[in-house]
N, C-alpha and C. Protein backbone atom coordinates (compact mmCIF):
# COMPACT_ATOMS: atom_id res chain seq x y z
N MET A 1 0.85 -1.20 -0.01
CA MET A 1 0.01 0.05 -0.01
C MET A 1 0.83 1.29 -0.02
N VAL A 2 1.98 1.21 0.77
CA VAL A 2 2.89 2.39 0.77
C VAL A 2 3.47 2.66 -0.62
N ALA A 3 3.86 1.59 -1.29
CA ALA A 3 4.35 1.71 -2.66
C ALA A 3 3.36 2.34 -3.56
N LEU A 4 2.15 1.90 -3.49
CA LEU A 4 1.07 2.44 -4.37
C LEU A 4 0.86 3.93 -4.10
N VAL A 5 0.83 4.31 -2.85
CA VAL A 5 0.55 5.70 -2.46
C VAL A 5 1.78 6.55 -2.98
N LEU A 6 3.01 6.03 -2.82
CA LEU A 6 4.13 6.82 -3.24
C LEU A 6 4.16 6.96 -4.84
N VAL A 7 3.81 5.91 -5.52
CA VAL A 7 3.78 6.03 -6.99
C VAL A 7 2.74 6.99 -7.35
N VAL A 8 1.51 7.04 -6.74
CA VAL A 8 0.54 8.02 -7.11
C VAL A 8 0.98 9.44 -6.80
N LEU A 9 1.62 9.62 -5.63
CA LEU A 9 2.11 10.96 -5.26
C LEU A 9 3.19 11.45 -6.28
N VAL A 10 4.06 10.55 -6.72
CA VAL A 10 5.06 10.95 -7.71
C VAL A 10 4.36 11.34 -8.99
N ALA A 11 3.39 10.51 -9.42
CA ALA A 11 2.69 10.81 -10.71
C ALA A 11 2.00 12.10 -10.57
N LEU A 12 1.32 12.38 -9.44
CA LEU A 12 0.61 13.68 -9.29
C LEU A 12 1.60 14.88 -9.30
N ALA A 13 2.68 14.66 -8.67
CA ALA A 13 3.76 15.72 -8.71
C ALA A 13 4.11 16.08 -10.13
N HIS A 14 4.23 15.04 -11.00
CA HIS A 14 4.62 15.29 -12.35
C HIS A 14 3.45 15.90 -13.16
N VAL A 15 2.24 15.59 -12.78
CA VAL A 15 1.09 16.37 -13.34
C VAL A 15 1.16 17.83 -13.06
N TRP A 16 1.53 18.16 -11.79
CA TRP A 16 1.72 19.53 -11.31
C TRP A 16 2.92 20.16 -12.14
N PHE A 17 4.00 19.43 -12.31
CA PHE A 17 5.15 19.98 -13.04
C PHE A 17 4.70 20.29 -14.50
N LEU A 18 3.89 19.37 -15.11
CA LEU A 18 3.36 19.65 -16.45
C LEU A 18 2.59 20.88 -16.51
N VAL A 19 1.64 21.08 -15.55
CA VAL A 19 0.80 22.25 -15.55
C VAL A 19 1.64 23.55 -15.32
N LEU A 20 2.56 23.48 -14.34
CA LEU A 20 3.39 24.56 -14.05
C LEU A 20 4.24 25.00 -15.25
N GLU A 21 4.95 24.01 -15.83
CA GLU A 21 5.87 24.30 -16.88
C GLU A 21 5.21 24.61 -18.28
N SER A 22 4.08 23.96 -18.50
CA SER A 22 3.45 24.14 -19.85
C SER A 22 2.40 25.30 -19.89
N PHE A 23 1.76 25.55 -18.75
CA PHE A 23 0.67 26.57 -18.70
C PHE A 23 0.88 27.73 -17.75
N LEU A 24 1.59 27.52 -16.68
CA LEU A 24 1.71 28.57 -15.70
C LEU A 24 3.06 29.28 -15.67
N TRP A 25 3.97 28.87 -16.53
CA TRP A 25 5.36 29.37 -16.53
C TRP A 25 5.43 30.82 -16.53
N ASP A 26 4.74 31.46 -17.48
CA ASP A 26 4.80 32.88 -17.70
C ASP A 26 3.61 33.59 -17.07
N THR A 27 3.30 33.17 -15.83
CA THR A 27 2.21 33.86 -15.07
C THR A 27 2.74 34.17 -13.72
N PRO A 28 2.08 34.95 -13.04
CA PRO A 28 2.52 35.33 -11.62
C PRO A 28 2.69 34.08 -10.73
N VAL A 29 1.86 33.01 -10.91
CA VAL A 29 1.98 31.78 -10.15
C VAL A 29 3.33 31.12 -10.55
N GLY A 30 3.61 31.08 -11.83
CA GLY A 30 4.82 30.43 -12.26
C GLY A 30 6.00 31.24 -11.84
N HIS A 31 5.94 32.57 -11.90
CA HIS A 31 7.14 33.36 -11.48
C HIS A 31 7.37 33.17 -10.05
N LYS A 32 6.39 33.07 -9.26
CA LYS A 32 6.59 32.90 -7.72
C LYS A 32 7.15 31.52 -7.46
N ALA A 33 6.46 30.48 -8.08
CA ALA A 33 6.88 29.13 -7.75
C ALA A 33 8.27 28.81 -8.16
N LEU A 34 8.73 29.49 -9.22
CA LEU A 34 10.08 29.24 -9.77
C LEU A 34 11.09 30.29 -9.50
N ALA A 35 10.67 31.27 -8.78
CA ALA A 35 11.60 32.39 -8.36
C ALA A 35 12.22 33.02 -9.62
N MET A 36 11.35 33.30 -10.62
CA MET A 36 11.82 33.93 -11.86
C MET A 36 11.23 35.28 -12.05
N THR A 37 11.95 36.11 -12.71
CA THR A 37 11.39 37.41 -13.18
C THR A 37 10.45 37.11 -14.45
N PRO A 38 9.53 38.04 -14.64
CA PRO A 38 8.79 37.90 -15.88
C PRO A 38 9.63 37.82 -17.16
N GLU A 39 10.80 38.56 -17.14
CA GLU A 39 11.68 38.53 -18.30
C GLU A 39 12.31 37.14 -18.47
N GLN A 40 12.74 36.57 -17.37
CA GLN A 40 13.34 35.22 -17.46
C GLN A 40 12.31 34.22 -17.96
N ALA A 41 11.16 34.33 -17.47
CA ALA A 41 10.10 33.36 -17.83
C ALA A 41 9.75 33.48 -19.32
N LYS A 42 9.62 34.75 -19.79
CA LYS A 42 9.37 34.97 -21.18
C LYS A 42 10.40 34.35 -22.10
N GLN A 43 11.69 34.51 -21.72
CA GLN A 43 12.80 34.04 -22.52
C GLN A 43 12.88 32.43 -22.57
N THR A 44 12.35 31.84 -21.54
CA THR A 44 12.47 30.33 -21.43
C THR A 44 11.14 29.62 -21.56
N ALA A 45 10.14 30.34 -21.91
CA ALA A 45 8.77 29.68 -22.03
C ALA A 45 8.71 28.53 -22.92
N VAL A 46 9.36 28.66 -24.09
CA VAL A 46 9.25 27.58 -25.09
C VAL A 46 9.98 26.30 -24.52
N LEU A 47 11.15 26.47 -23.94
CA LEU A 47 11.82 25.35 -23.29
C LEU A 47 10.93 24.72 -22.22
N ALA A 48 10.38 25.61 -21.45
CA ALA A 48 9.49 25.05 -20.34
C ALA A 48 8.33 24.21 -20.80
N LYS A 49 7.70 24.57 -21.91
CA LYS A 49 6.62 23.81 -22.47
C LYS A 49 7.17 22.41 -22.86
N ASN A 50 8.35 22.31 -23.38
CA ASN A 50 8.96 21.01 -23.74
C ASN A 50 9.18 20.15 -22.46
N GLN A 51 9.80 20.85 -21.46
CA GLN A 51 9.99 20.16 -20.13
C GLN A 51 8.62 19.63 -19.56
N GLY A 52 7.67 20.47 -19.63
CA GLY A 52 6.35 20.06 -19.07
C GLY A 52 5.81 18.85 -19.79
N LEU A 53 6.02 18.78 -21.09
CA LEU A 53 5.51 17.64 -21.83
C LEU A 53 6.24 16.38 -21.37
N TYR A 54 7.52 16.41 -21.16
CA TYR A 54 8.26 15.26 -20.61
C TYR A 54 7.77 14.85 -19.22
N ASN A 55 7.50 15.83 -18.44
CA ASN A 55 6.93 15.52 -17.06
C ASN A 55 5.56 14.82 -17.19
N GLY A 56 4.74 15.29 -18.18
CA GLY A 56 3.48 14.67 -18.42
C GLY A 56 3.63 13.26 -18.85
N PHE A 57 4.62 12.92 -19.70
CA PHE A 57 4.86 11.57 -20.07
C PHE A 57 5.24 10.68 -18.89
N LEU A 58 6.02 11.21 -17.95
CA LEU A 58 6.43 10.50 -16.71
C LEU A 58 5.15 10.21 -15.91
N ALA A 59 4.30 11.17 -15.80
CA ALA A 59 3.03 10.95 -15.03
C ALA A 59 2.21 9.89 -15.72
N ALA A 60 2.05 10.03 -17.03
CA ALA A 60 1.17 9.10 -17.80
C ALA A 60 1.73 7.65 -17.64
N GLY A 61 3.02 7.47 -17.71
CA GLY A 61 3.59 6.14 -17.52
C GLY A 61 3.34 5.55 -16.17
N LEU A 62 3.44 6.40 -15.13
CA LEU A 62 3.15 5.90 -13.79
C LEU A 62 1.73 5.62 -13.64
N PHE A 63 0.81 6.42 -14.12
CA PHE A 63 -0.58 6.11 -14.00
C PHE A 63 -0.99 4.86 -14.80
N TRP A 64 -0.33 4.69 -15.95
CA TRP A 64 -0.59 3.56 -16.77
C TRP A 64 -0.29 2.25 -16.05
N SER A 65 0.87 2.30 -15.23
CA SER A 65 1.18 1.06 -14.46
C SER A 65 0.21 0.72 -13.42
N LEU A 66 -0.66 1.66 -13.09
CA LEU A 66 -1.63 1.41 -12.00
C LEU A 66 -3.03 1.02 -12.51
N LEU A 67 -3.20 0.98 -13.86
CA LEU A 67 -4.51 0.65 -14.37
C LEU A 67 -4.86 -0.78 -14.06
N PRO A 68 -6.12 -1.00 -13.60
CA PRO A 68 -6.51 -2.43 -13.37
C PRO A 68 -6.93 -3.14 -14.59
N GLY A 69 -7.12 -4.39 -14.42
CA GLY A 69 -7.75 -5.20 -15.53
C GLY A 69 -6.83 -5.51 -16.66
N GLY A 70 -5.56 -5.56 -16.42
CA GLY A 70 -4.62 -6.09 -17.53
C GLY A 70 -4.25 -4.96 -18.55
N TRP A 71 -4.59 -3.74 -18.30
CA TRP A 71 -4.28 -2.63 -19.25
C TRP A 71 -2.77 -2.54 -19.36
N CYS A 72 -2.05 -2.81 -18.31
CA CYS A 72 -0.60 -2.82 -18.33
C CYS A 72 -0.17 -4.25 -18.02
N LYS A 73 0.48 -4.87 -19.02
CA LYS A 73 0.87 -6.27 -18.87
C LYS A 73 2.05 -6.52 -17.97
N ASP A 74 2.87 -5.52 -17.68
CA ASP A 74 4.00 -5.64 -16.81
C ASP A 74 4.07 -4.43 -15.85
N PRO A 75 3.14 -4.26 -14.93
CA PRO A 75 3.08 -3.09 -14.04
C PRO A 75 4.39 -2.80 -13.34
N LEU A 76 4.96 -3.88 -12.81
CA LEU A 76 6.31 -3.73 -12.09
C LEU A 76 7.38 -3.15 -13.03
N GLY A 77 7.50 -3.73 -14.19
CA GLY A 77 8.50 -3.18 -15.09
C GLY A 77 8.27 -1.80 -15.52
N VAL A 78 7.04 -1.44 -15.72
CA VAL A 78 6.61 -0.07 -16.17
C VAL A 78 6.97 0.86 -15.02
N GLN A 79 6.56 0.49 -13.78
CA GLN A 79 6.86 1.36 -12.60
C GLN A 79 8.35 1.51 -12.41
N LEU A 80 9.08 0.49 -12.50
CA LEU A 80 10.56 0.62 -12.39
C LEU A 80 11.16 1.45 -13.45
N PHE A 81 10.76 1.33 -14.59
CA PHE A 81 11.26 2.11 -15.73
C PHE A 81 10.97 3.60 -15.50
N PHE A 82 9.66 4.00 -15.26
CA PHE A 82 9.35 5.34 -15.11
C PHE A 82 9.84 5.99 -13.84
N LEU A 83 9.88 5.22 -12.76
CA LEU A 83 10.48 5.80 -11.54
C LEU A 83 11.95 6.00 -11.70
N GLY A 84 12.61 5.09 -12.39
CA GLY A 84 14.06 5.26 -12.77
C GLY A 84 14.30 6.52 -13.60
N CYS A 85 13.40 6.75 -14.52
CA CYS A 85 13.46 7.98 -15.33
C CYS A 85 13.23 9.25 -14.43
N VAL A 86 12.38 9.17 -13.54
CA VAL A 86 12.15 10.28 -12.66
C VAL A 86 13.30 10.55 -11.84
N VAL A 87 13.97 9.53 -11.31
CA VAL A 87 15.15 9.71 -10.44
C VAL A 87 16.31 10.38 -11.36
N VAL A 88 16.54 9.86 -12.52
CA VAL A 88 17.61 10.36 -13.38
C VAL A 88 17.27 11.79 -13.79
N ALA A 89 16.00 12.05 -14.18
CA ALA A 89 15.64 13.46 -14.54
C ALA A 89 15.87 14.37 -13.33
N GLY A 90 15.61 13.95 -12.16
CA GLY A 90 15.76 14.80 -10.99
C GLY A 90 17.20 15.08 -10.73
N ILE A 91 18.08 14.02 -10.94
CA ILE A 91 19.56 14.21 -10.70
C ILE A 91 20.12 15.19 -11.76
N VAL A 92 19.68 15.00 -12.99
CA VAL A 92 20.17 15.89 -14.07
C VAL A 92 19.72 17.38 -13.83
N GLY A 93 18.41 17.46 -13.49
CA GLY A 93 17.86 18.74 -13.15
C GLY A 93 18.66 19.45 -11.97
N ALA A 94 18.95 18.70 -11.01
CA ALA A 94 19.69 19.26 -9.80
C ALA A 94 21.08 19.69 -10.26
N ILE A 95 21.70 18.97 -11.16
CA ILE A 95 23.05 19.28 -11.65
C ILE A 95 22.99 20.52 -12.53
N THR A 96 21.99 20.61 -13.40
CA THR A 96 22.01 21.59 -14.47
C THR A 96 21.16 22.86 -14.12
N ALA A 97 20.17 22.73 -13.26
CA ALA A 97 19.26 23.83 -13.01
C ALA A 97 19.19 24.30 -11.59
N SER A 98 18.82 23.48 -10.64
CA SER A 98 18.69 23.88 -9.25
C SER A 98 18.78 22.66 -8.41
N TRP A 99 19.57 22.79 -7.30
CA TRP A 99 19.75 21.67 -6.37
C TRP A 99 18.46 21.26 -5.71
N LYS A 100 17.46 22.10 -5.67
CA LYS A 100 16.12 21.84 -5.04
C LYS A 100 15.42 20.68 -5.82
N ILE A 101 15.78 20.48 -7.05
CA ILE A 101 15.10 19.44 -7.88
C ILE A 101 15.40 18.05 -7.25
N ILE A 102 16.52 17.92 -6.58
CA ILE A 102 16.87 16.62 -5.97
C ILE A 102 15.82 16.31 -4.90
N LEU A 103 15.34 17.39 -4.23
CA LEU A 103 14.35 17.21 -3.17
C LEU A 103 12.89 17.00 -3.73
N LEU A 104 12.63 17.76 -4.78
CA LEU A 104 11.26 17.75 -5.35
C LEU A 104 10.96 16.59 -6.27
N GLN A 105 12.01 16.13 -6.93
CA GLN A 105 11.79 15.09 -7.96
C GLN A 105 12.57 13.81 -7.68
N ALA A 106 13.84 13.93 -7.57
CA ALA A 106 14.65 12.69 -7.43
C ALA A 106 14.40 11.95 -6.15
N ALA A 107 14.38 12.62 -5.00
CA ALA A 107 14.17 11.94 -3.71
C ALA A 107 12.76 11.27 -3.60
N PRO A 108 11.66 11.96 -4.00
CA PRO A 108 10.42 11.20 -3.96
C PRO A 108 10.36 9.99 -4.98
N GLY A 109 10.99 10.22 -6.13
CA GLY A 109 11.04 9.06 -7.05
C GLY A 109 11.90 7.94 -6.50
N ALA A 110 12.99 8.26 -5.87
CA ALA A 110 13.84 7.17 -5.31
C ALA A 110 13.07 6.44 -4.18
N ALA A 111 12.32 7.26 -3.33
CA ALA A 111 11.51 6.64 -2.23
C ALA A 111 10.46 5.69 -2.78
N ALA A 112 9.79 6.12 -3.86
CA ALA A 112 8.77 5.26 -4.42
C ALA A 112 9.41 4.03 -5.08
N LEU A 113 10.57 4.22 -5.74
CA LEU A 113 11.24 3.10 -6.36
C LEU A 113 11.71 2.09 -5.31
N ALA A 114 12.16 2.53 -4.18
CA ALA A 114 12.55 1.64 -3.06
C ALA A 114 11.36 0.89 -2.54
N ALA A 115 10.25 1.67 -2.39
CA ALA A 115 9.02 1.05 -1.83
C ALA A 115 8.49 -0.01 -2.79
N VAL A 116 8.46 0.24 -4.05
CA VAL A 116 8.05 -0.68 -5.09
C VAL A 116 8.93 -1.94 -5.02
N LEU A 117 10.18 -1.76 -4.94
CA LEU A 117 11.06 -2.94 -4.91
C LEU A 117 10.86 -3.75 -3.60
N ALA A 118 10.67 -3.05 -2.52
CA ALA A 118 10.48 -3.72 -1.24
C ALA A 118 9.17 -4.48 -1.21
N ALA A 119 8.14 -3.88 -1.81
CA ALA A 119 6.87 -4.51 -1.83
C ALA A 119 6.80 -5.77 -2.67
N ARG A 120 7.66 -5.79 -3.71
CA ARG A 120 7.71 -6.90 -4.60
C ARG A 120 8.60 -7.97 -4.20
N GLY A 121 9.44 -7.58 -3.21
CA GLY A 121 10.37 -8.35 -2.58
C GLY A 121 11.15 -9.50 -2.66
């Protein structure tokens, strides 16, 4: 149950990242959440939309792994793959953009990954 909750929380976080990066980037909400000036946001908005799309794919993959009734033939493999992608993306983001990404993306992804592995044991 802990693994399931963590996978859902990581997926929901990536839905939020999608919304923030694709739709709210160049708004007061985006400026405040990302500590950017309107000028910085305007200059990077196109790149942010692309980032947001990738975060949406991560969320979609994690939600897909949770679908009941055989929609996902290998839920464990899908969860491991997408959680691994989340961790790697978080590490790269921390190295290239902001150390805070390790806390917001990589650490929750790693916790969910560990919980999934422990549950399947």
